[in-house]
Amino acid sequence: MNLKEKLLVGTGLAMSSALAMAQTTDPFDTAITTLTAKVTSYGGALVALAAVGVAFFVAIKYVKKITRAA
């Protein structure tokens, strides 16, 4: 075998091993997709809960200003 043939065979083997180790889906992409779905489903509920909490604390502030409030 001459040098060109050796390089060709070596390159082919390296490419085949790299392709064999390649994943069909990237784990990072899968994680981002899952996270996006979770934020979409729970995001609205969390915003609503935060708004209720703010309204509650504002109401407490004004109830404390009433002189004979319990």
C-alpha atoms as a PDB file:
ATOM      1  CA  MET A   1       0.000   0.000   0.000  1.00  0.00           C
ATOM      2  CA  ASN A   2       1.256   3.420  -0.803  1.00  0.00           C
ATOM      3  CA  LEU A   3       0.721   6.512   1.321  1.00  0.00           C
ATOM      4  CA  LYS A   4      -2.379   7.698  -0.560  1.00  0.00           C
ATOM      5  CA  GLU A   5      -4.130   4.372  -0.077  1.00  0.00           C
ATOM      6  CA  LYS A   6      -3.257   4.325   3.608  1.00  0.00           C
ATOM      7  CA  LEU A   7      -4.604   7.844   4.071  1.00  0.00           C
ATOM      8  CA  LEU A   8      -7.786   6.980   2.192  1.00  0.00           C
ATOM      9  CA  VAL A   9      -8.399   3.852   4.273  1.00  0.00           C
ATOM     10  CA  GLY A  10      -7.573   5.684   7.500  1.00  0.00           C
ATOM     11  CA  THR A  11      -9.895   8.564   6.658  1.00  0.00           C
ATOM     12  CA  GLY A  12     -12.679   6.142   5.726  1.00  0.00           C
ATOM     13  CA  LEU A  13     -12.299   4.242   8.991  1.00  0.00           C
ATOM     14  CA  ALA A  14     -12.251   7.446  11.017  1.00  0.00           C
ATOM     15  CA  MET A  15     -15.397   8.713   9.308  1.00  0.00           C
ATOM     16  CA  SER A  16     -17.214   5.403   9.761  1.00  0.00           C
ATOM     17  CA  SER A  17     -16.396   5.309  13.472  1.00  0.00           C
ATOM     18  CA  ALA A  18     -17.509   8.911  13.875  1.00  0.00           C
ATOM     19  CA  LEU A  19     -20.783   8.150  12.124  1.00  0.00           C
ATOM     20  CA  ALA A  20     -21.301   5.082  14.281  1.00  0.00           C
ATOM     21  CA  MET A  21     -20.983   7.194  17.425  1.00  0.00           C
ATOM     22  CA  ALA A  22     -23.290   9.956  16.177  1.00  0.00           C
ATOM     23  CA  GLN A  23     -26.580  10.294  18.030  1.00  0.00           C
ATOM     24  CA  THR A  24     -29.901  10.481  16.263  1.00  0.00           C
ATOM     25  CA  THR A  25     -31.129  13.316  18.485  1.00  0.00           C
ATOM     26  CA  ASP A  26     -29.048  15.752  20.465  1.00  0.00           C
ATOM     27  CA  PRO A  27     -29.714  15.450  24.238  1.00  0.00           C
ATOM     28  CA  PHE A  28     -29.428  19.229  24.601  1.00  0.00           C
ATOM     29  CA  ASP A  29     -32.123  19.800  21.981  1.00  0.00           C
ATOM     30  CA  THR A  30     -34.343  17.258  23.711  1.00  0.00           C
ATOM     31  CA  ALA A  31     -33.863  19.000  27.066  1.00  0.00           C
ATOM     32  CA  ILE A  32     -34.624  22.431  25.600  1.00  0.00           C
ATOM     33  CA  THR A  33     -37.769  21.102  23.908  1.00  0.00           C
ATOM     34  CA  THR A  34     -38.954  19.530  27.159  1.00  0.00           C
ATOM     35  CA  LEU A  35     -38.212  22.690  29.113  1.00  0.00           C
ATOM     36  CA  THR A  36     -40.059  24.841  26.578  1.00  0.00           C
ATOM     37  CA  ALA A  37     -43.113  22.601  26.839  1.00  0.00           C
ATOM     38  CA  LYS A  38     -43.063  22.781  30.631  1.00  0.00           C
ATOM     39  CA  VAL A  39     -42.698  26.569  30.697  1.00  0.00           C
ATOM     40  CA  THR A  40     -45.553  26.866  28.215  1.00  0.00           C
ATOM     41  CA  SER A  41     -47.834  24.701  30.319  1.00  0.00           C
ATOM     42  CA  TYR A  42     -46.955  26.068  33.767  1.00  0.00           C
ATOM     43  CA  GLY A  43     -45.978  29.634  32.881  1.00  0.00           C
ATOM     44  CA  GLY A  44     -49.488  31.068  32.834  1.00  0.00           C
ATOM     45  CA  ALA A  45     -50.378  29.466  36.153  1.00  0.00           C
ATOM     46  CA  LEU A  46     -47.231  30.835  37.794  1.00  0.00           C
ATOM     47  CA  VAL A  47     -47.925  34.360  36.532  1.00  0.00           C
ATOM     48  CA  ALA A  48     -51.494  34.152  37.855  1.00  0.00           C
ATOM     49  CA  LEU A  49     -50.243  32.900  41.222  1.00  0.00           C
ATOM     50  CA  ALA A  50     -47.762  35.776  41.437  1.00  0.00           C
ATOM     51  CA  ALA A  51     -50.520  38.280  40.611  1.00  0.00           C
ATOM     52  CA  VAL A  52     -52.733  36.842  43.373  1.00  0.00           C
ATOM     53  CA  GLY A  53     -49.839  37.105  45.818  1.00  0.00           C
ATOM     54  CA  VAL A  54     -49.200  40.748  44.949  1.00  0.00           C
ATOM     55  CA  ALA A  55     -52.908  41.554  45.254  1.00  0.00           C
ATOM     56  CA  PHE A  56     -52.998  39.836  48.639  1.00  0.00           C
ATOM     57  CA  PHE A  57     -50.064  41.842  49.996  1.00  0.00           C
ATOM     58  CA  VAL A  58     -51.503  45.112  48.677  1.00  0.00           C
ATOM     59  CA  ALA A  59     -54.839  44.280  50.330  1.00  0.00           C
ATOM     60  CA  ILE A  60     -53.084  43.542  53.641  1.00  0.00           C
ATOM     61  CA  LYS A  61     -51.325  46.900  53.411  1.00  0.00           C
ATOM     62  CA  TYR A  62     -54.637  48.768  53.096  1.00  0.00           C
ATOM     63  CA  VAL A  63     -56.431  46.649  55.722  1.00  0.00           C
ATOM     64  CA  LYS A  64     -53.725  47.583  58.236  1.00  0.00           C
ATOM     65  CA  LYS A  65     -54.529  51.252  57.672  1.00  0.00           C
ATOM     66  CA  ILE A  66     -58.144  50.761  58.845  1.00  0.00           C
ATOM     67  CA  THR A  67     -58.258  51.740  62.490  1.00  0.00           C
ATOM     68  CA  ARG A  68     -60.673  49.121  63.836  1.00  0.00           C
ATOM     69  CA  ALA A  69     -59.765  46.252  61.518  1.00  0.00           C
ATOM     70  CA  ALA A  70     -59.216  42.878  63.109  1.00  0.00           C
END
